[in-house]
Amino acid sequence: ATYTGLFLRLKDKKTSIPDKLKLAKFAWVTDAVHIPNKQQQILDFVCGLLVNRKKHNIASEDVVSVWETLNRFLYLAGTTSVVK
């Protein structure tokens, strides 16, 4: 399977926040998704949602989901860096 365009969907204004978070989670855990500096790119994307939440018109319930996703990614990044 090819996942070209997955990162473009994350940046697409038409993609809903819940769908973007699902895509980000999928990309994070899937080794078949090849994005240069994948973890850093995804962390930057999620942080950008929080920093620019008014610009992106993110609903408050979606903000909670974004924080939960960021927390999960940071936890996973910490556990994998210890293993390496």
N, C-alpha and C. Protein backbone atom coordinates (compact mmCIF):
# COMPACT_ATOMS: atom_id res chain seq x y z
N ALA A 1 0.84 -1.19 0.00
CA ALA A 1 0.00 0.00 0.00
C ALA A 1 0.88 1.24 0.00
N THR A 2 0.38 2.28 -0.63
CA THR A 2 1.13 3.53 -0.67
C THR A 2 0.36 4.61 0.09
N TYR A 3 1.07 5.42 0.79
CA TYR A 3 0.44 6.45 1.62
C TYR A 3 0.90 7.85 1.22
N THR A 4 1.21 8.02 -0.08
CA THR A 4 1.61 9.36 -0.54
C THR A 4 0.43 10.29 -0.36
N GLY A 5 0.44 11.39 -0.04
CA GLY A 5 -0.74 12.23 0.11
C GLY A 5 -1.33 12.22 1.50
N LEU A 6 -0.88 11.32 2.35
CA LEU A 6 -1.39 11.29 3.71
C LEU A 6 -1.06 12.61 4.42
N PHE A 7 0.18 13.06 4.25
CA PHE A 7 0.58 14.31 4.90
C PHE A 7 -0.17 15.50 4.30
N LEU A 8 -0.48 15.43 3.01
CA LEU A 8 -1.27 16.50 2.39
C LEU A 8 -2.67 16.56 2.98
N ARG A 9 -3.23 15.39 3.30
CA ARG A 9 -4.56 15.36 3.93
C ARG A 9 -4.52 15.98 5.32
N LEU A 10 -3.40 15.84 6.02
CA LEU A 10 -3.27 16.47 7.33
C LEU A 10 -3.32 17.99 7.21
N LYS A 11 -2.77 18.51 6.13
CA LYS A 11 -2.71 19.96 5.92
C LYS A 11 -3.97 20.52 5.25
N ASP A 12 -4.80 19.65 4.69
CA ASP A 12 -5.99 20.07 3.94
C ASP A 12 -7.04 20.67 4.88
N LYS A 13 -7.50 21.88 4.56
CA LYS A 13 -8.50 22.55 5.39
C LYS A 13 -9.85 21.84 5.37
N LYS A 14 -10.08 21.02 4.34
CA LYS A 14 -11.36 20.32 4.21
C LYS A 14 -11.42 19.07 5.09
N THR A 15 -10.28 18.58 5.54
CA THR A 15 -10.24 17.39 6.39
C THR A 15 -10.59 17.79 7.81
N SER A 16 -11.54 17.09 8.42
CA SER A 16 -11.97 17.43 9.78
C SER A 16 -10.85 17.15 10.78
N ILE A 17 -10.91 17.82 11.92
CA ILE A 17 -9.90 17.62 12.97
C ILE A 17 -9.88 16.17 13.44
N PRO A 18 -11.04 15.55 13.72
CA PRO A 18 -10.99 14.13 14.12
C PRO A 18 -10.33 13.24 13.06
N ASP A 19 -10.60 13.51 11.79
CA ASP A 19 -9.97 12.72 10.72
C ASP A 19 -8.47 12.98 10.65
N LYS A 20 -8.07 14.24 10.84
CA LYS A 20 -6.64 14.56 10.84
C LYS A 20 -5.93 13.83 11.97
N LEU A 21 -6.57 13.78 13.14
CA LEU A 21 -5.95 13.10 14.27
C LEU A 21 -5.85 11.60 14.03
N LYS A 22 -6.87 11.03 13.40
CA LYS A 22 -6.82 9.60 13.05
C LYS A 22 -5.67 9.33 12.09
N LEU A 23 -5.53 10.19 11.08
CA LEU A 23 -4.44 10.04 10.11
C LEU A 23 -3.08 10.18 10.79
N ALA A 24 -2.97 11.14 11.69
CA ALA A 24 -1.70 11.35 12.39
C ALA A 24 -1.34 10.13 13.25
N LYS A 25 -2.34 9.59 13.95
CA LYS A 25 -2.11 8.39 14.77
C LYS A 25 -1.70 7.21 13.89
N PHE A 26 -2.38 7.06 12.77
CA PHE A 26 -2.06 5.98 11.83
C PHE A 26 -0.62 6.12 11.33
N ALA A 27 -0.27 7.34 10.91
CA ALA A 27 1.07 7.58 10.39
C ALA A 27 2.13 7.31 11.45
N TRP A 28 1.82 7.68 12.69
CA TRP A 28 2.79 7.51 13.79
C TRP A 28 3.14 6.04 14.00
N VAL A 29 2.14 5.18 13.98
CA VAL A 29 2.37 3.77 14.35
C VAL A 29 2.65 2.86 13.16
N THR A 30 2.50 3.38 11.94
CA THR A 30 2.66 2.54 10.76
C THR A 30 4.04 2.73 10.14
N ASP A 31 4.82 1.66 10.16
CA ASP A 31 6.17 1.71 9.59
C ASP A 31 6.16 1.91 8.08
N ALA A 32 5.06 1.54 7.42
CA ALA A 32 4.98 1.66 5.97
C ALA A 32 4.80 3.11 5.52
N VAL A 33 4.48 4.01 6.45
CA VAL A 33 4.36 5.42 6.12
C VAL A 33 5.74 6.05 6.22
N HIS A 34 6.25 6.51 5.08
CA HIS A 34 7.59 7.09 5.04
C HIS A 34 7.50 8.59 4.81
N ILE A 35 7.76 9.32 5.86
CA ILE A 35 7.82 10.78 5.81
C ILE A 35 9.16 11.14 6.46
N PRO A 36 9.97 11.97 5.81
CA PRO A 36 11.23 12.36 6.45
C PRO A 36 10.98 12.97 7.83
N ASN A 37 11.73 12.53 8.82
CA ASN A 37 11.55 13.01 10.21
C ASN A 37 10.09 12.89 10.64
N LYS A 38 9.51 11.73 10.40
CA LYS A 38 8.07 11.51 10.59
C LYS A 38 7.57 11.96 11.96
N GLN A 39 8.20 11.50 13.02
CA GLN A 39 7.70 11.84 14.35
C GLN A 39 7.74 13.35 14.59
N GLN A 40 8.83 13.99 14.19
CA GLN A 40 8.93 15.44 14.38
C GLN A 40 7.89 16.18 13.55
N GLN A 41 7.68 15.73 12.32
CA GLN A 41 6.68 16.36 11.45
C GLN A 41 5.28 16.26 12.07
N ILE A 42 4.97 15.09 12.61
CA ILE A 42 3.64 14.88 13.20
C ILE A 42 3.49 15.70 14.47
N LEU A 43 4.53 15.73 15.31
CA LEU A 43 4.48 16.56 16.52
C LEU A 43 4.31 18.03 16.16
N ASP A 44 5.03 18.50 15.15
CA ASP A 44 4.89 19.89 14.70
C ASP A 44 3.47 20.17 14.22
N PHE A 45 2.90 19.22 13.49
CA PHE A 45 1.53 19.38 13.00
C PHE A 45 0.54 19.50 14.15
N VAL A 46 0.63 18.59 15.13
CA VAL A 46 -0.31 18.59 16.25
C VAL A 46 -0.13 19.86 17.10
N CYS A 47 1.10 20.24 17.35
CA CYS A 47 1.36 21.47 18.11
C CYS A 47 0.83 22.69 17.35
N GLY A 48 0.97 22.67 16.04
CA GLY A 48 0.46 23.76 15.22
C GLY A 48 -1.05 23.89 15.32
N LEU A 49 -1.74 22.77 15.46
CA LEU A 49 -3.20 22.83 15.64
C LEU A 49 -3.53 23.57 16.93
N LEU A 50 -2.77 23.31 17.98
CA LEU A 50 -3.03 23.95 19.27
C LEU A 50 -2.67 25.43 19.24
N VAL A 51 -1.53 25.74 18.67
CA VAL A 51 -1.07 27.13 18.63
C VAL A 51 -2.01 27.99 17.78
N ASN A 52 -2.49 27.42 16.69
CA ASN A 52 -3.34 28.17 15.75
C ASN A 52 -4.80 27.73 15.81
N ARG A 53 -5.27 27.33 16.97
CA ARG A 53 -6.62 26.76 17.06
C ARG A 53 -7.71 27.75 16.65
N LYS A 54 -7.52 29.03 16.89
CA LYS A 54 -8.52 30.01 16.47
C LYS A 54 -8.52 30.16 14.96
N LYS A 55 -7.33 30.16 14.37
CA LYS A 55 -7.21 30.26 12.91
C LYS A 55 -7.87 29.06 12.24
N HIS A 56 -7.72 27.88 12.85
CA HIS A 56 -8.30 26.66 12.28
C HIS A 56 -9.75 26.44 12.72
N ASN A 57 -10.29 27.35 13.54
CA ASN A 57 -11.66 27.23 14.06
C ASN A 57 -11.91 25.87 14.70
N ILE A 58 -11.04 25.48 15.60
CA ILE A 58 -11.16 24.17 16.23
C ILE A 58 -12.12 24.27 17.41
N ALA A 59 -13.12 23.40 17.41
CA ALA A 59 -14.10 23.36 18.49
C ALA A 59 -13.44 22.90 19.79
N SER A 60 -14.00 23.33 20.93
CA SER A 60 -13.37 23.00 22.21
C SER A 60 -13.26 21.51 22.46
N GLU A 61 -14.25 20.72 22.02
CA GLU A 61 -14.14 19.26 22.21
C GLU A 61 -13.01 18.68 21.36
N ASP A 62 -12.76 19.30 20.20
CA ASP A 62 -11.65 18.85 19.37
C ASP A 62 -10.30 19.25 19.97
N VAL A 63 -10.26 20.39 20.67
CA VAL A 63 -9.02 20.82 21.32
C VAL A 63 -8.60 19.78 22.35
N VAL A 64 -9.57 19.24 23.08
CA VAL A 64 -9.27 18.19 24.07
C VAL A 64 -8.68 16.98 23.36
N SER A 65 -9.24 16.59 22.24
CA SER A 65 -8.72 15.45 21.48
C SER A 65 -7.30 15.71 20.98
N VAL A 66 -7.04 16.94 20.56
CA VAL A 66 -5.70 17.28 20.08
C VAL A 66 -4.70 17.16 21.24
N TRP A 67 -5.07 17.68 22.42
CA TRP A 67 -4.18 17.56 23.59
C TRP A 67 -3.94 16.09 23.94
N GLU A 68 -4.99 15.29 23.92
CA GLU A 68 -4.84 13.86 24.23
C GLU A 68 -3.92 13.18 23.23
N THR A 69 -4.06 13.53 21.97
CA THR A 69 -3.21 12.96 20.92
C THR A 69 -1.76 13.38 21.12
N LEU A 70 -1.54 14.65 21.41
CA LEU A 70 -0.18 15.13 21.66
C LEU A 70 0.43 14.40 22.86
N ASN A 71 -0.34 14.25 23.91
CA ASN A 71 0.13 13.54 25.10
C ASN A 71 0.54 12.11 24.75
N ARG A 72 -0.28 11.45 23.96
CA ARG A 72 0.02 10.07 23.56
C ARG A 72 1.31 10.01 22.73
N PHE A 73 1.45 10.93 21.78
CA PHE A 73 2.65 10.94 20.93
C PHE A 73 3.90 11.20 21.76
N LEU A 74 3.82 12.13 22.70
CA LEU A 74 4.99 12.43 23.54
C LEU A 74 5.35 11.22 24.40
N TYR A 75 4.33 10.55 24.91
CA TYR A 75 4.59 9.33 25.70
C TYR A 75 5.26 8.27 24.83
N LEU A 76 4.70 8.04 23.65
CA LEU A 76 5.27 7.03 22.75
C LEU A 76 6.68 7.40 22.31
N ALA A 77 6.91 8.67 22.04
CA ALA A 77 8.24 9.11 21.64
C ALA A 77 9.24 8.88 22.77
N GLY A 78 8.81 9.11 23.99
CA GLY A 78 9.68 8.89 25.14
C GLY A 78 10.00 7.44 25.37
N THR A 79 9.02 6.56 25.17
CA THR A 79 9.26 5.14 25.39
C THR A 79 10.12 4.55 24.29
N THR A 80 9.95 5.02 23.06
CA THR A 80 10.77 4.47 21.97
C THR A 80 12.19 4.99 22.03
N SER A 81 12.39 6.21 22.52
CA SER A 81 13.76 6.73 22.58
C SER A 81 14.56 6.01 23.67
N VAL A 82 13.90 5.52 24.70
CA VAL A 82 14.58 4.76 25.75
C VAL A 82 15.03 3.41 25.21
N VAL A 83 14.19 2.82 24.35
CA VAL A 83 14.49 1.51 23.79
C VAL A 83 15.66 1.59 22.82
N LYS A 84 15.74 2.66 22.04
CA LYS A 84 16.80 2.80 21.02
C LYS A 84 18.10 2.99 21.65
